[in-house]
Every structure is written in C-alpha cells, then in structure tokens.
PDB file of all heavy atoms in Angstrom:
ATOM      1  N   VAL A   1      34.433  -8.038 -60.007  1.00  0.00           N
ATOM      2  CA  VAL A   1      33.238  -7.207 -60.133  1.00  0.00           C
ATOM      3  C   VAL A   1      32.036  -7.891 -59.480  1.00  0.00           C
ATOM      4  O   VAL A   1      31.254  -7.243 -58.769  1.00  0.00           O
ATOM      5  CB  VAL A   1      32.951  -6.906 -61.619  1.00  0.00           C
ATOM      6  CG1 VAL A   1      31.597  -6.234 -61.781  1.00  0.00           C
ATOM      7  CG2 VAL A   1      34.042  -6.011 -62.198  1.00  0.00           C
ATOM      8  N   LEU A   2      31.891  -9.198 -59.692  1.00  0.00           N
ATOM      9  CA  LEU A   2      30.787  -9.926 -59.077  1.00  0.00           C
ATOM     10  C   LEU A   2      30.910  -9.935 -57.554  1.00  0.00           C
ATOM     11  O   LEU A   2      29.899  -9.879 -56.839  1.00  0.00           O
ATOM     12  CB  LEU A   2      30.720 -11.354 -59.610  1.00  0.00           C
ATOM     13  CG  LEU A   2      30.146 -11.526 -61.018  1.00  0.00           C
ATOM     14  CD1 LEU A   2      30.169 -12.985 -61.425  1.00  0.00           C
ATOM     15  CD2 LEU A   2      28.728 -10.975 -61.106  1.00  0.00           C
ATOM     16  N   SER A   3      32.137 -10.004 -57.054  1.00  0.00           N
ATOM     17  CA  SER A   3      32.336  -9.972 -55.597  1.00  0.00           C
ATOM     18  C   SER A   3      31.896  -8.632 -55.021  1.00  0.00           C
ATOM     19  O   SER A   3      31.195  -8.577 -53.998  1.00  0.00           O
ATOM     20  CB  SER A   3      33.810 -10.225 -55.268  1.00  0.00           C
ATOM     21  OG  SER A   3      34.224 -11.471 -55.757  1.00  0.00           O
ATOM     22  N   LEU A   4      32.293  -7.541 -55.680  1.00  0.00           N
ATOM     23  CA  LEU A   4      31.868  -6.216 -55.227  1.00  0.00           C
ATOM     24  C   LEU A   4      30.354  -6.045 -55.349  1.00  0.00           C
ATOM     25  O   LEU A   4      29.713  -5.435 -54.486  1.00  0.00           O
ATOM     26  CB  LEU A   4      32.595  -5.137 -56.036  1.00  0.00           C
ATOM     27  CG  LEU A   4      34.123  -5.085 -55.858  1.00  0.00           C
ATOM     28  CD1 LEU A   4      34.737  -4.082 -56.822  1.00  0.00           C
ATOM     29  CD2 LEU A   4      34.479  -4.736 -54.423  1.00  0.00           C
ATOM     30  N   TRP A   5      29.783  -6.595 -56.429  1.00  0.00           N
ATOM     31  CA  TRP A   5      28.336  -6.525 -56.595  1.00  0.00           C
ATOM     32  C   TRP A   5      27.610  -7.302 -55.493  1.00  0.00           C
ATOM     33  O   TRP A   5      26.606  -6.830 -54.951  1.00  0.00           O
ATOM     34  CB  TRP A   5      27.954  -7.074 -57.967  1.00  0.00           C
ATOM     35  CG  TRP A   5      26.473  -7.135 -58.197  1.00  0.00           C
ATOM     36  CD1 TRP A   5      25.652  -6.106 -58.548  1.00  0.00           C
ATOM     37  CD2 TRP A   5      25.632  -8.285 -58.070  1.00  0.00           C
ATOM     38  NE1 TRP A   5      24.349  -6.548 -58.661  1.00  0.00           N
ATOM     39  CE2 TRP A   5      24.308  -7.873 -58.371  1.00  0.00           C
ATOM     40  CE3 TRP A   5      25.862  -9.618 -57.746  1.00  0.00           C
ATOM     41  CZ2 TRP A   5      23.234  -8.758 -58.355  1.00  0.00           C
ATOM     42  CZ3 TRP A   5      24.794 -10.506 -57.727  1.00  0.00           C
ATOM     43  CH2 TRP A   5      23.500 -10.069 -58.013  1.00  0.00           C
ATOM     44  N   LEU A   6      28.117  -8.489 -55.173  1.00  0.00           N
ATOM     45  CA  LEU A   6      27.517  -9.282 -54.100  1.00  0.00           C
ATOM     46  C   LEU A   6      27.590  -8.547 -52.765  1.00  0.00           C
ATOM     47  O   LEU A   6      26.649  -8.598 -51.965  1.00  0.00           O
ATOM     48  CB  LEU A   6      28.214 -10.636 -53.992  1.00  0.00           C
ATOM     49  CG  LEU A   6      27.792 -11.703 -54.994  1.00  0.00           C
ATOM     50  CD1 LEU A   6      28.675 -12.933 -54.867  1.00  0.00           C
ATOM     51  CD2 LEU A   6      26.331 -12.092 -54.794  1.00  0.00           C
ATOM     52  N   PHE A   7      28.707  -7.877 -52.523  1.00  0.00           N
ATOM     53  CA  PHE A   7      28.842  -7.103 -51.285  1.00  0.00           C
ATOM     54  C   PHE A   7      27.797  -5.986 -51.256  1.00  0.00           C
ATOM     55  O   PHE A   7      27.136  -5.762 -50.231  1.00  0.00           O
ATOM     56  CB  PHE A   7      30.255  -6.531 -51.187  1.00  0.00           C
ATOM     57  CG  PHE A   7      30.471  -5.684 -49.964  1.00  0.00           C
ATOM     58  CD1 PHE A   7      30.665  -6.268 -48.728  1.00  0.00           C
ATOM     59  CD2 PHE A   7      30.469  -4.291 -50.058  1.00  0.00           C
ATOM     60  CE1 PHE A   7      30.858  -5.494 -47.593  1.00  0.00           C
ATOM     61  CE2 PHE A   7      30.657  -3.508 -48.932  1.00  0.00           C
ATOM     62  CZ  PHE A   7      30.855  -4.112 -47.695  1.00  0.00           C
ATOM     63  N   PHE A   8      27.637  -5.288 -52.384  1.00  0.00           N
ATOM     64  CA  PHE A   8      26.652  -4.212 -52.473  1.00  0.00           C
ATOM     65  C   PHE A   8      25.237  -4.738 -52.250  1.00  0.00           C
ATOM     66  O   PHE A   8      24.448  -4.160 -51.482  1.00  0.00           O
ATOM     67  CB  PHE A   8      26.765  -3.531 -53.842  1.00  0.00           C
ATOM     68  CG  PHE A   8      25.569  -2.698 -54.205  1.00  0.00           C
ATOM     69  CD1 PHE A   8      25.364  -1.458 -53.620  1.00  0.00           C
ATOM     70  CD2 PHE A   8      24.649  -3.155 -55.145  1.00  0.00           C
ATOM     71  CE1 PHE A   8      24.259  -0.686 -53.958  1.00  0.00           C
ATOM     72  CE2 PHE A   8      23.542  -2.391 -55.483  1.00  0.00           C
ATOM     73  CZ  PHE A   8      23.352  -1.153 -54.881  1.00  0.00           C
ATOM     74  N   VAL A   9      24.885  -5.839 -52.918  1.00  0.00           N
ATOM     75  CA  VAL A   9      23.543  -6.412 -52.791  1.00  0.00           C
ATOM     76  C   VAL A   9      23.291  -6.901 -51.374  1.00  0.00           C
ATOM     77  O   VAL A   9      22.200  -6.719 -50.814  1.00  0.00           O
ATOM     78  CB  VAL A   9      23.362  -7.562 -53.810  1.00  0.00           C
ATOM     79  CG1 VAL A   9      22.083  -8.351 -53.533  1.00  0.00           C
ATOM     80  CG2 VAL A   9      23.326  -7.008 -55.227  1.00  0.00           C
ATOM     81  N   THR A  10      24.312  -7.523 -50.782  1.00  0.00           N
ATOM     82  CA  THR A  10      24.169  -8.022 -49.408  1.00  0.00           C
ATOM     83  C   THR A  10      23.903  -6.881 -48.434  1.00  0.00           C
ATOM     84  O   THR A  10      22.987  -6.956 -47.599  1.00  0.00           O
ATOM     85  CB  THR A  10      25.444  -8.777 -48.990  1.00  0.00           C
ATOM     86  OG1 THR A  10      25.631  -9.901 -49.867  1.00  0.00           O
ATOM     87  CG2 THR A  10      25.334  -9.283 -47.558  1.00  0.00           C
ATOM     88  N   VAL A  11      24.682  -5.821 -48.533  1.00  0.00           N
ATOM     89  CA  VAL A  11      24.488  -4.660 -47.654  1.00  0.00           C
ATOM     90  C   VAL A  11      23.121  -4.030 -47.898  1.00  0.00           C
ATOM     91  O   VAL A  11      22.409  -3.643 -46.950  1.00  0.00           O
ATOM     92  CB  VAL A  11      25.615  -3.636 -47.873  1.00  0.00           C
ATOM     93  CG1 VAL A  11      25.322  -2.338 -47.114  1.00  0.00           C
ATOM     94  CG2 VAL A  11      26.952  -4.219 -47.429  1.00  0.00           C
ATOM     95  N   TYR A  12      22.726  -3.933 -49.164  1.00  0.00           N
ATOM     96  CA  TYR A  12      21.441  -3.315 -49.498  1.00  0.00           C
ATOM     97  C   TYR A  12      20.277  -4.077 -48.863  1.00  0.00           C
ATOM     98  O   TYR A  12      19.397  -3.483 -48.220  1.00  0.00           O
ATOM     99  CB  TYR A  12      21.275  -3.252 -51.009  1.00  0.00           C
ATOM    100  CG  TYR A  12      19.901  -2.782 -51.447  1.00  0.00           C
ATOM    101  CD1 TYR A  12      19.577  -1.430 -51.452  1.00  0.00           C
ATOM    102  CD2 TYR A  12      18.924  -3.707 -51.834  1.00  0.00           C
ATOM    103  CE1 TYR A  12      18.317  -0.997 -51.836  1.00  0.00           C
ATOM    104  CE2 TYR A  12      17.659  -3.284 -52.215  1.00  0.00           C
ATOM    105  CZ  TYR A  12      17.358  -1.930 -52.214  1.00  0.00           C
ATOM    106  OH  TYR A  12      16.107  -1.506 -52.578  1.00  0.00           O
ATOM    107  N   PHE A  13      20.240  -5.394 -49.043  1.00  0.00           N
ATOM    108  CA  PHE A  13      19.105  -6.168 -48.538  1.00  0.00           C
ATOM    109  C   PHE A  13      19.167  -6.391 -47.027  1.00  0.00           C
ATOM    110  O   PHE A  13      18.151  -6.737 -46.418  1.00  0.00           O
ATOM    111  CB  PHE A  13      19.009  -7.507 -49.269  1.00  0.00           C
ATOM    112  CG  PHE A  13      18.399  -7.394 -50.636  1.00  0.00           C
ATOM    113  CD1 PHE A  13      19.198  -7.409 -51.774  1.00  0.00           C
ATOM    114  CD2 PHE A  13      17.040  -7.236 -50.792  1.00  0.00           C
ATOM    115  CE1 PHE A  13      18.642  -7.297 -53.039  1.00  0.00           C
ATOM    116  CE2 PHE A  13      16.469  -7.109 -52.052  1.00  0.00           C
ATOM    117  CZ  PHE A  13      17.272  -7.140 -53.175  1.00  0.00           C
ATOM    118  N   LEU A  14      20.327  -6.195 -46.426  1.00  0.00           N
ATOM    119  CA  LEU A  14      20.410  -6.293 -44.971  1.00  0.00           C
ATOM    120  C   LEU A  14      19.888  -5.034 -44.287  1.00  0.00           C
ATOM    121  O   LEU A  14      19.304  -5.104 -43.204  1.00  0.00           O
ATOM    122  CB  LEU A  14      21.853  -6.555 -44.543  1.00  0.00           C
ATOM    123  CG  LEU A  14      22.356  -7.999 -44.658  1.00  0.00           C
ATOM    124  CD1 LEU A  14      23.832  -8.077 -44.289  1.00  0.00           C
ATOM    125  CD2 LEU A  14      21.542  -8.949 -43.785  1.00  0.00           C
ATOM    126  N   PHE A  15      20.092  -3.881 -44.915  1.00  0.00           N
ATOM    127  CA  PHE A  15      19.783  -2.628 -44.239  1.00  0.00           C
ATOM    128  C   PHE A  15      18.694  -1.794 -44.910  1.00  0.00           C
ATOM    129  O   PHE A  15      18.188  -0.852 -44.307  1.00  0.00           O
ATOM    130  CB  PHE A  15      21.055  -1.782 -44.106  1.00  0.00           C
ATOM    131  CG  PHE A  15      22.134  -2.452 -43.309  1.00  0.00           C
ATOM    132  CD1 PHE A  15      23.222  -3.042 -43.942  1.00  0.00           C
ATOM    133  CD2 PHE A  15      22.045  -2.517 -41.931  1.00  0.00           C
ATOM    134  CE1 PHE A  15      24.218  -3.673 -43.209  1.00  0.00           C
ATOM    135  CE2 PHE A  15      23.038  -3.145 -41.193  1.00  0.00           C
ATOM    136  CZ  PHE A  15      24.122  -3.721 -41.831  1.00  0.00           C
ATOM    137  N   SER A  16      18.315  -2.118 -46.143  1.00  0.00           N
ATOM    138  CA  SER A  16      17.297  -1.326 -46.831  1.00  0.00           C
ATOM    139  C   SER A  16      15.899  -1.758 -46.392  1.00  0.00           C
ATOM    140  O   SER A  16      15.622  -2.947 -46.226  1.00  0.00           O
ATOM    141  CB  SER A  16      17.434  -1.486 -48.346  1.00  0.00           C
ATOM    142  OG  SER A  16      16.372  -0.846 -49.008  1.00  0.00           O
ATOM    143  N   LYS A  17      15.017  -0.793 -46.248  1.00  0.00           N
ATOM    144  CA  LYS A  17      13.642  -1.090 -45.870  1.00  0.00           C
ATOM    145  C   LYS A  17      12.757  -1.342 -47.096  1.00  0.00           C
ATOM    146  O   LYS A  17      11.718  -1.994 -46.999  1.00  0.00           O
ATOM    147  CB  LYS A  17      13.062   0.072 -45.056  1.00  0.00           C
ATOM    148  CG  LYS A  17      13.735   0.266 -43.699  1.00  0.00           C
ATOM    149  CD  LYS A  17      13.090   1.417 -42.938  1.00  0.00           C
ATOM    150  CE  LYS A  17      13.754   1.608 -41.578  1.00  0.00           C
ATOM    151  NZ  LYS A  17      13.135   2.728 -40.810  1.00  0.00           N
ATOM    152  N   THR A  18      13.159  -0.824 -48.255  1.00  0.00           N
ATOM    153  CA  THR A  18      12.329  -0.981 -49.453  1.00  0.00           C
ATOM    154  C   THR A  18      12.415  -2.387 -50.049  1.00  0.00           C
ATOM    155  O   THR A  18      11.428  -2.892 -50.592  1.00  0.00           O
ATOM    156  CB  THR A  18      12.756   0.039 -50.514  1.00  0.00           C
ATOM    157  OG1 THR A  18      14.151  -0.124 -50.798  1.00  0.00           O
ATOM    158  CG2 THR A  18      12.498   1.457 -50.030  1.00  0.00           C
ATOM    159  N   GLN A  19      13.612  -3.026 -49.994  1.00  0.00           N
ATOM    160  CA  GLN A  19      13.792  -4.387 -50.507  1.00  0.00           C
ATOM    161  C   GLN A  19      13.305  -4.493 -51.964  1.00  0.00           C
ATOM    162  O   GLN A  19      12.542  -5.387 -52.325  1.00  0.00           O
ATOM    163  CB  GLN A  19      13.031  -5.386 -49.639  1.00  0.00           C
ATOM    164  CG  GLN A  19      13.450  -5.402 -48.171  1.00  0.00           C
ATOM    165  CD  GLN A  19      14.779  -6.112 -47.963  1.00  0.00           C
ATOM    166  OE1 GLN A  19      14.955  -7.279 -48.303  1.00  0.00           O
ATOM    167  NE2 GLN A  19      15.739  -5.401 -47.385  1.00  0.00           N
ATOM    168  N   ASN A  20      13.775  -3.594 -52.800  1.00  0.00           N
ATOM    169  CA  ASN A  20      13.355  -3.560 -54.202  1.00  0.00           C
ATOM    170  C   ASN A  20      14.169  -4.578 -55.009  1.00  0.00           C
ATOM    171  O   ASN A  20      15.357  -4.381 -55.262  1.00  0.00           O
ATOM    172  CB  ASN A  20      13.565  -2.154 -54.767  1.00  0.00           C
ATOM    173  CG  ASN A  20      12.937  -1.981 -56.136  1.00  0.00           C
ATOM    174  OD1 ASN A  20      12.680  -2.947 -56.841  1.00  0.00           O
ATOM    175  ND2 ASN A  20      12.685  -0.738 -56.504  1.00  0.00           N
ATOM    176  N   ILE A  21      13.518  -5.655 -55.441  1.00  0.00           N
ATOM    177  CA  ILE A  21      14.242  -6.723 -56.151  1.00  0.00           C
ATOM    178  C   ILE A  21      14.626  -6.312 -57.563  1.00  0.00           C
ATOM    179  O   ILE A  21      15.464  -6.976 -58.200  1.00  0.00           O
ATOM    180  CB  ILE A  21      13.415  -8.019 -56.191  1.00  0.00           C
ATOM    181  CG1 ILE A  21      12.053  -7.775 -56.851  1.00  0.00           C
ATOM    182  CG2 ILE A  21      13.254  -8.594 -54.791  1.00  0.00           C
ATOM    183  CD1 ILE A  21      11.235  -9.038 -57.045  1.00  0.00           C
ATOM    184  N   LYS A  22      14.064  -5.232 -58.089  1.00  0.00           N
ATOM    185  CA  LYS A  22      14.463  -4.772 -59.425  1.00  0.00           C
ATOM    186  C   LYS A  22      15.919  -4.337 -59.460  1.00  0.00           C
ATOM    187  O   LYS A  22      16.528  -4.279 -60.529  1.00  0.00           O
ATOM    188  CB  LYS A  22      13.564  -3.613 -59.874  1.00  0.00           C
ATOM    189  CG  LYS A  22      12.205  -4.048 -60.376  1.00  0.00           C
ATOM    190  CD  LYS A  22      11.522  -2.972 -61.198  1.00  0.00           C
ATOM    191  CE  LYS A  22      11.030  -1.832 -60.329  1.00  0.00           C
ATOM    192  NZ  LYS A  22      10.218  -0.863 -61.098  1.00  0.00           N
ATOM    193  N   ILE A  23      16.475  -4.029 -58.299  1.00  0.00           N
ATOM    194  CA  ILE A  23      17.863  -3.574 -58.257  1.00  0.00           C
ATOM    195  C   ILE A  23      18.828  -4.664 -58.708  1.00  0.00           C
ATOM    196  O   ILE A  23      19.927  -4.375 -59.187  1.00  0.00           O
ATOM    197  CB  ILE A  23      18.223  -3.085 -56.836  1.00  0.00           C
ATOM    198  CG1 ILE A  23      19.479  -2.219 -56.891  1.00  0.00           C
ATOM    199  CG2 ILE A  23      18.418  -4.256 -55.878  1.00  0.00           C
ATOM    200  CD1 ILE A  23      19.805  -1.541 -55.576  1.00  0.00           C
ATOM    201  N   ILE A  24      18.425  -5.924 -58.599  1.00  0.00           N
ATOM    202  CA  ILE A  24      19.308  -7.034 -58.982  1.00  0.00           C
ATOM    203  C   ILE A  24      19.560  -7.052 -60.486  1.00  0.00           C
ATOM    204  O   ILE A  24      20.716  -6.963 -60.925  1.00  0.00           O
ATOM    205  CB  ILE A  24      18.739  -8.373 -58.474  1.00  0.00           C
ATOM    206  CG1 ILE A  24      18.774  -8.410 -56.943  1.00  0.00           C
ATOM    207  CG2 ILE A  24      19.524  -9.551 -59.053  1.00  0.00           C
ATOM    208  CD1 ILE A  24      18.136  -9.639 -56.332  1.00  0.00           C
ATOM    209  N   PRO A  25      18.530  -7.173 -61.350  1.00  0.00           N
ATOM    210  CA  PRO A  25      18.824  -7.166 -62.791  1.00  0.00           C
ATOM    211  C   PRO A  25      19.324  -5.820 -63.297  1.00  0.00           C
ATOM    212  O   PRO A  25      20.162  -5.782 -64.207  1.00  0.00           O
ATOM    213  CB  PRO A  25      17.466  -7.524 -63.424  1.00  0.00           C
ATOM    214  CG  PRO A  25      16.448  -7.144 -62.419  1.00  0.00           C
ATOM    215  CD  PRO A  25      17.085  -7.389 -61.090  1.00  0.00           C
ATOM    216  N   VAL A  26      18.839  -4.714 -62.715  1.00  0.00           N
ATOM    217  CA  VAL A  26      19.275  -3.390 -63.187  1.00  0.00           C
ATOM    218  C   VAL A  26      20.771  -3.190 -62.933  1.00  0.00           C
ATOM    219  O   VAL A  26      21.521  -2.764 -63.820  1.00  0.00           O
ATOM    220  CB  VAL A  26      18.457  -2.281 -62.497  1.00  0.00           C
ATOM    221  CG1 VAL A  26      19.053  -0.905 -62.820  1.00  0.00           C
ATOM    222  CG2 VAL A  26      17.003  -2.337 -62.942  1.00  0.00           C
ATOM    223  N   SER A  27      21.232  -3.489 -61.725  1.00  0.00           N
ATOM    224  CA  SER A  27      22.645  -3.299 -61.397  1.00  0.00           C
ATOM    225  C   SER A  27      23.543  -4.239 -62.198  1.00  0.00           C
ATOM    226  O   SER A  27      24.619  -3.839 -62.662  1.00  0.00           O
ATOM    227  CB  SER A  27      22.867  -3.503 -59.895  1.00  0.00           C
ATOM    228  OG  SER A  27      22.433  -4.796 -59.490  1.00  0.00           O
ATOM    229  N   LEU A  28      23.097  -5.490 -62.394  1.00  0.00           N
ATOM    230  CA  LEU A  28      23.888  -6.427 -63.196  1.00  0.00           C
ATOM    231  C   LEU A  28      23.966  -5.988 -64.653  1.00  0.00           C
ATOM    232  O   LEU A  28      25.018  -6.137 -65.303  1.00  0.00           O
ATOM    233  CB  LEU A  28      23.288  -7.824 -63.110  1.00  0.00           C
ATOM    234  CG  LEU A  28      23.650  -8.657 -61.881  1.00  0.00           C
ATOM    235  CD1 LEU A  28      22.893  -9.979 -61.894  1.00  0.00           C
ATOM    236  CD2 LEU A  28      25.149  -8.919 -61.811  1.00  0.00           C
ATOM    237  N   CYS A  29      22.882  -5.431 -65.176  1.00  0.00           N
ATOM    238  CA  CYS A  29      22.884  -4.947 -66.555  1.00  0.00           C
ATOM    239  C   CYS A  29      23.861  -3.784 -66.720  1.00  0.00           C
ATOM    240  O   CYS A  29      24.629  -3.734 -67.693  1.00  0.00           O
ATOM    241  CB  CYS A  29      21.466  -4.519 -66.949  1.00  0.00           C
ATOM    242  SG  CYS A  29      21.311  -3.934 -68.642  1.00  0.00           S
ATOM    243  N   VAL A  30      23.863  -2.864 -65.785  1.00  0.00           N
ATOM    244  CA  VAL A  30      24.774  -1.725 -65.836  1.00  0.00           C
ATOM    245  C   VAL A  30      26.229  -2.198 -65.779  1.00  0.00           C
ATOM    246  O   VAL A  30      27.087  -1.735 -66.549  1.00  0.00           O
ATOM    247  CB  VAL A  30      24.479  -0.742 -64.687  1.00  0.00           C
ATOM    248  CG1 VAL A  30      25.558   0.338 -64.603  1.00  0.00           C
ATOM    249  CG2 VAL A  30      23.111  -0.101 -64.875  1.00  0.00           C
ATOM    250  N   LEU A  31      26.522  -3.127 -64.888  1.00  0.00           N
ATOM    251  CA  LEU A  31      27.892  -3.648 -64.780  1.00  0.00           C
ATOM    252  C   LEU A  31      28.313  -4.374 -66.049  1.00  0.00           C
ATOM    253  O   LEU A  31      29.475  -4.271 -66.476  1.00  0.00           O
ATOM    254  CB  LEU A  31      27.990  -4.593 -63.574  1.00  0.00           C
ATOM    255  CG  LEU A  31      27.906  -3.933 -62.194  1.00  0.00           C
ATOM    256  CD1 LEU A  31      27.917  -4.979 -61.101  1.00  0.00           C
ATOM    257  CD2 LEU A  31      29.060  -2.950 -61.993  1.00  0.00           C
ATOM    258  N   SER A  32      27.393  -5.125 -66.661  1.00  0.00           N
ATOM    259  CA  SER A  32      27.710  -5.816 -67.911  1.00  0.00           C
ATOM    260  C   SER A  32      28.050  -4.830 -69.013  1.00  0.00           C
ATOM    261  O   SER A  32      28.995  -5.037 -69.789  1.00  0.00           O
ATOM    262  CB  SER A  32      26.537  -6.706 -68.336  1.00  0.00           C
ATOM    263  OG  SER A  32      26.275  -7.711 -67.382  1.00  0.00           O
ATOM    264  N   LEU A  33      27.293  -3.741 -69.107  1.00  0.00           N
ATOM    265  CA  LEU A  33      27.558  -2.718 -70.123  1.00  0.00           C
ATOM    266  C   LEU A  33      28.890  -2.018 -69.883  1.00  0.00           C
ATOM    267  O   LEU A  33      29.641  -1.734 -70.828  1.00  0.00           O
ATOM    268  CB  LEU A  33      26.420  -1.701 -70.145  1.00  0.00           C
ATOM    269  CG  LEU A  33      25.059  -2.218 -70.636  1.00  0.00           C
ATOM    270  CD1 LEU A  33      23.986  -1.148 -70.451  1.00  0.00           C
ATOM    271  CD2 LEU A  33      25.135  -2.634 -72.104  1.00  0.00           C
ATOM    272  N   LEU A  34      29.197  -1.737 -68.628  1.00  0.00           N
ATOM    273  CA  LEU A  34      30.469  -1.082 -68.300  1.00  0.00           C
ATOM    274  C   LEU A  34      31.664  -1.981 -68.603  1.00  0.00           C
ATOM    275  O   LEU A  34      32.777  -1.485 -68.834  1.00  0.00           O
ATOM    276  CB  LEU A  34      30.482  -0.690 -66.822  1.00  0.00           C
ATOM    277  CG  LEU A  34      29.552   0.455 -66.415  1.00  0.00           C
ATOM    278  CD1 LEU A  34      29.575   0.646 -64.900  1.00  0.00           C
ATOM    279  CD2 LEU A  34      29.949   1.754 -67.112  1.00  0.00           C
ATOM    280  N   ALA A  35      31.458  -3.298 -68.608  1.00  0.00           N
ATOM    281  CA  ALA A  35      32.566  -4.236 -68.830  1.00  0.00           C
ATOM    282  C   ALA A  35      32.898  -4.437 -70.303  1.00  0.00           C
ATOM    283  O   ALA A  35      33.878  -5.109 -70.624  1.00  0.00           O
ATOM    284  CB  ALA A  35      32.228  -5.588 -68.200  1.00  0.00           C
ATOM    285  N   ILE A  36      32.110  -3.830 -71.211  1.00  0.00           N
ATOM    286  CA  ILE A  36      32.284  -4.114 -72.643  1.00  0.00           C
ATOM    287  C   ILE A  36      33.385  -3.252 -73.264  1.00  0.00           C
ATOM    288  O   ILE A  36      34.344  -3.767 -73.839  1.00  0.00           O
ATOM    289  CB  ILE A  36      30.952  -3.909 -73.386  1.00  0.00           C
ATOM    290  CG1 ILE A  36      29.902  -4.877 -72.839  1.00  0.00           C
ATOM    291  CG2 ILE A  36      31.134  -4.134 -74.882  1.00  0.00           C
ATOM    292  CD1 ILE A  36      28.498  -4.603 -73.339  1.00  0.00           C
ATOM    293  N   TYR A  37      33.255  -1.934 -73.162  1.00  0.00           N
ATOM    294  CA  TYR A  37      34.225  -1.009 -73.756  1.00  0.00           C
ATOM    295  C   TYR A  37      34.552   0.108 -72.770  1.00  0.00           C
ATOM    296  O   TYR A  37      33.784   0.370 -71.842  1.00  0.00           O
ATOM    297  CB  TYR A  37      33.684  -0.403 -75.056  1.00  0.00           C
ATOM    298  CG  TYR A  37      33.674  -1.359 -76.232  1.00  0.00           C
ATOM    299  CD1 TYR A  37      32.487  -1.879 -76.711  1.00  0.00           C
ATOM    300  CD2 TYR A  37      34.861  -1.741 -76.851  1.00  0.00           C
ATOM    301  CE1 TYR A  37      32.469  -2.756 -77.790  1.00  0.00           C
ATOM    302  CE2 TYR A  37      34.859  -2.615 -77.923  1.00  0.00           C
ATOM    303  CZ  TYR A  37      33.663  -3.124 -78.388  1.00  0.00           C
ATOM    304  OH  TYR A  37      33.654  -3.988 -79.454  1.00  0.00           O
ATOM    305  N   GLY A  38      35.702   0.746 -73.009  1.00  0.00           N
ATOM    306  CA  GLY A  38      36.109   1.858 -72.172  1.00  0.00           C
ATOM    307  C   GLY A  38      37.267   1.505 -71.266  1.00  0.00           C
ATOM    308  O   GLY A  38      37.648   0.334 -71.128  1.00  0.00           O
ATOM    309  N   PRO A  39      37.860   2.501 -70.612  1.00  0.00           N
ATOM    310  CA  PRO A  39      39.023   2.240 -69.734  1.00  0.00           C
ATOM    311  C   PRO A  39      38.686   1.366 -68.533  1.00  0.00           C
ATOM    312  O   PRO A  39      39.577   0.752 -67.950  1.00  0.00           O
ATOM    313  CB  PRO A  39      39.439   3.652 -69.291  1.00  0.00           C
ATOM    314  CG  PRO A  39      38.214   4.506 -69.477  1.00  0.00           C
ATOM    315  CD  PRO A  39      37.496   3.920 -70.655  1.00  0.00           C
ATOM    316  N   GLN A  40      37.405   1.313 -68.149  1.00  0.00           N
ATOM    317  CA  GLN A  40      36.991   0.490 -67.006  1.00  0.00           C
ATOM    318  C   GLN A  40      36.577  -0.916 -67.435  1.00  0.00           C
ATOM    319  O   GLN A  40      36.241  -1.748 -66.586  1.00  0.00           O
ATOM    320  CB  GLN A  40      35.820   1.155 -66.282  1.00  0.00           C
ATOM    321  CG  GLN A  40      34.457   0.978 -66.949  1.00  0.00           C
ATOM    322  CD  GLN A  40      34.331   1.652 -68.304  1.00  0.00           C
ATOM    323  OE1 GLN A  40      34.951   2.685 -68.530  1.00  0.00           O
ATOM    324  NE2 GLN A  40      33.559   1.070 -69.219  1.00  0.00           N
ATOM    325  N   SER A  41      36.600  -1.217 -68.721  1.00  0.00           N
ATOM    326  CA  SER A  41      36.109  -2.497 -69.233  1.00  0.00           C
ATOM    327  C   SER A  41      37.048  -3.638 -68.864  1.00  0.00           C
ATOM    328  O   SER A  41      38.214  -3.430 -68.501  1.00  0.00           O
ATOM    329  CB  SER A  41      35.952  -2.434 -70.752  1.00  0.00           C
ATOM    330  OG  SER A  41      37.220  -2.306 -71.374  1.00  0.00           O
ATOM    331  N   ALA A  42      36.535  -4.850 -68.992  1.00  0.00           N
ATOM    332  CA  ALA A  42      37.328  -6.039 -68.679  1.00  0.00           C
ATOM    333  C   ALA A  42      38.553  -6.129 -69.572  1.00  0.00           C
ATOM    334  O   ALA A  42      39.654  -6.460 -69.124  1.00  0.00           O
ATOM    335  CB  ALA A  42      36.456  -7.293 -68.837  1.00  0.00           C
ATOM    336  N   SER A  43      38.381  -5.798 -70.849  1.00  0.00           N
ATOM    337  CA  SER A  43      39.482  -5.871 -71.803  1.00  0.00           C
ATOM    338  C   SER A  43      40.579  -4.864 -71.471  1.00  0.00           C
ATOM    339  O   SER A  43      41.773  -5.205 -71.431  1.00  0.00           O
ATOM    340  CB  SER A  43      38.957  -5.630 -73.219  1.00  0.00           C
ATOM    341  OG  SER A  43      40.009  -5.558 -74.145  1.00  0.00           O
ATOM    342  N   SER A  44      40.206  -3.620 -71.204  1.00  0.00           N
ATOM    343  CA  SER A  44      41.196  -2.569 -70.942  1.00  0.00           C
ATOM    344  C   SER A  44      41.943  -2.811 -69.635  1.00  0.00           C
ATOM    345  O   SER A  44      43.175  -2.691 -69.581  1.00  0.00           O
ATOM    346  CB  SER A  44      40.500  -1.205 -70.899  1.00  0.00           C
ATOM    347  OG  SER A  44      39.930  -0.892 -72.139  1.00  0.00           O
ATOM    348  N   VAL A  45      41.218  -3.152 -68.590  1.00  0.00           N
ATOM    349  CA  VAL A  45      41.851  -3.364 -67.284  1.00  0.00           C
ATOM    350  C   VAL A  45      42.798  -4.551 -67.328  1.00  0.00           C
ATOM    351  O   VAL A  45      43.936  -4.475 -66.841  1.00  0.00           O
ATOM    352  CB  VAL A  45      40.768  -3.572 -66.193  1.00  0.00           C
ATOM    353  CG1 VAL A  45      41.417  -3.992 -64.878  1.00  0.00           C
ATOM    354  CG2 VAL A  45      39.963  -2.296 -66.002  1.00  0.00           C
TER     355      VAL A  45
END
C-alpha cells in the first residue's frame, strides 16, 4: 500500500500545478482507515 501511495504522490507532485501538500496527510489517513476493517483491510487480505 505504501508503494502504491508513493507512486501516486510522486506522479501527483511531478505533474500537478497546485502542489497541495495537504494531500499527503489526507491520503495517508484514508489509507490507514481502509486498512483497519473490511474486505480490503490488512487483516482480511
């Protein structure tokens, strides 16, 4: 998940004109929540 996130962040900051740094903690927070419970979570997978 961190590898895919790094790829996303790298592409975003290479090509985005806005360069919004808030996307870093927001995206990591969302991924952390998704990893807790559910079929996509770390435990289930």
